[in-house]
Amino acid sequence: MDARSYLVMVALWAASAAISGAVLAGMAKRTHPALSFRRLWVFYSALVGVFVAIVLFSGWF
């Protein structure tokens, strides 16, 4: 694979983690209104990103 393929894959991975993190943060914000949306978004985006990286890594090798 060339570098463009890797860049596209990383961009899609980051975008999907950010979008799914925002969705999860919005759901969590409804149940716990006192929590910060930004902190929840960062937490869930990192959680989803790391989980997807583990799945991709385990499937790659």
C-alpha atoms as a PDB file:
ATOM      1  CA  MET A   1       0.000   0.000   0.000  1.00  0.00           C
ATOM      2  CA  ASP A   2       1.193   3.479  -0.731  1.00  0.00           C
ATOM      3  CA  ALA A   3       1.248   6.439   1.642  1.00  0.00           C
ATOM      4  CA  ARG A   4      -2.020   7.892   0.309  1.00  0.00           C
ATOM      5  CA  SER A   5      -3.894   4.756   1.316  1.00  0.00           C
ATOM      6  CA  TYR A   6      -2.541   5.001   4.840  1.00  0.00           C
ATOM      7  CA  LEU A   7      -3.428   8.692   5.043  1.00  0.00           C
ATOM      8  CA  VAL A   8      -6.993   8.009   3.910  1.00  0.00           C
ATOM      9  CA  MET A   9      -7.315   5.162   6.413  1.00  0.00           C
ATOM     10  CA  VAL A  10      -6.002   7.321   9.284  1.00  0.00           C
ATOM     11  CA  ALA A  11      -8.289  10.217   8.304  1.00  0.00           C
ATOM     12  CA  LEU A  12     -11.336   7.955   8.216  1.00  0.00           C
ATOM     13  CA  TRP A  13     -10.315   6.358  11.507  1.00  0.00           C
ATOM     14  CA  ALA A  14      -9.946   9.741  13.236  1.00  0.00           C
ATOM     15  CA  ALA A  15     -13.175  11.113  11.755  1.00  0.00           C
ATOM     16  CA  SER A  16     -15.206   8.061  12.721  1.00  0.00           C
ATOM     17  CA  ALA A  17     -13.772   8.101  16.250  1.00  0.00           C
ATOM     18  CA  ALA A  18     -14.624  11.807  16.626  1.00  0.00           C
ATOM     19  CA  ILE A  19     -18.156  11.383  15.289  1.00  0.00           C
ATOM     20  CA  SER A  20     -18.928   8.308  17.364  1.00  0.00           C
ATOM     21  CA  GLY A  21     -17.353   9.980  20.411  1.00  0.00           C
ATOM     22  CA  ALA A  22     -19.663  12.966  19.921  1.00  0.00           C
ATOM     23  CA  VAL A  23     -22.708  10.700  19.680  1.00  0.00           C
ATOM     24  CA  LEU A  24     -21.748   8.800  22.818  1.00  0.00           C
ATOM     25  CA  ALA A  25     -20.965  12.047  24.654  1.00  0.00           C
ATOM     26  CA  GLY A  26     -24.378  13.437  23.706  1.00  0.00           C
ATOM     27  CA  MET A  27     -26.080  10.331  25.059  1.00  0.00           C
ATOM     28  CA  ALA A  28     -24.060  10.464  28.271  1.00  0.00           C
ATOM     29  CA  LYS A  29     -24.751  14.199  28.649  1.00  0.00           C
ATOM     30  CA  ARG A  30     -28.496  13.488  28.650  1.00  0.00           C
ATOM     31  CA  THR A  31     -28.199  11.096  31.572  1.00  0.00           C
ATOM     32  CA  HIS A  32     -25.624  13.181  33.475  1.00  0.00           C
ATOM     33  CA  PRO A  33     -26.240  16.874  32.681  1.00  0.00           C
ATOM     34  CA  ALA A  34     -23.618  18.099  35.153  1.00  0.00           C
ATOM     35  CA  LEU A  35     -20.752  16.562  33.171  1.00  0.00           C
ATOM     36  CA  SER A  36     -18.818  18.492  30.529  1.00  0.00           C
ATOM     37  CA  PHE A  37     -19.653  17.587  26.925  1.00  0.00           C
ATOM     38  CA  ARG A  38     -16.093  18.329  25.761  1.00  0.00           C
ATOM     39  CA  ARG A  39     -14.516  16.060  28.350  1.00  0.00           C
ATOM     40  CA  LEU A  40     -16.984  13.308  27.556  1.00  0.00           C
ATOM     41  CA  TRP A  41     -16.302  13.762  23.848  1.00  0.00           C
ATOM     42  CA  VAL A  42     -12.544  13.508  24.322  1.00  0.00           C
ATOM     43  CA  PHE A  43     -12.923  10.465  26.563  1.00  0.00           C
ATOM     44  CA  TYR A  44     -15.275   8.576  24.258  1.00  0.00           C
ATOM     45  CA  SER A  45     -13.345   9.523  21.112  1.00  0.00           C
ATOM     46  CA  ALA A  46     -10.132   8.208  22.645  1.00  0.00           C
ATOM     47  CA  LEU A  47     -11.892   5.082  23.865  1.00  0.00           C
ATOM     48  CA  VAL A  48     -13.378   4.319  20.453  1.00  0.00           C
ATOM     49  CA  GLY A  49     -10.137   5.185  18.647  1.00  0.00           C
ATOM     50  CA  VAL A  50      -8.043   2.890  20.812  1.00  0.00           C
ATOM     51  CA  PHE A  51     -10.577   0.077  20.575  1.00  0.00           C
ATOM     52  CA  VAL A  52     -10.696   0.321  16.775  1.00  0.00           C
ATOM     53  CA  ALA A  53      -6.886   0.417  16.635  1.00  0.00           C
ATOM     54  CA  ILE A  54      -6.718  -2.780  18.688  1.00  0.00           C
ATOM     55  CA  VAL A  55      -9.266  -4.480  16.431  1.00  0.00           C
ATOM     56  CA  LEU A  56      -7.455  -3.362  13.264  1.00  0.00           C
ATOM     57  CA  PHE A  57      -4.082  -4.388  14.660  1.00  0.00           C
ATOM     58  CA  SER A  58      -5.325  -7.815  15.726  1.00  0.00           C
ATOM     59  CA  GLY A  59      -6.984  -8.371  12.348  1.00  0.00           C
ATOM     60  CA  TRP A  60      -3.950  -7.161  10.429  1.00  0.00           C
ATOM     61  CA  PHE A  61      -1.564  -9.678  11.966  1.00  0.00           C
END
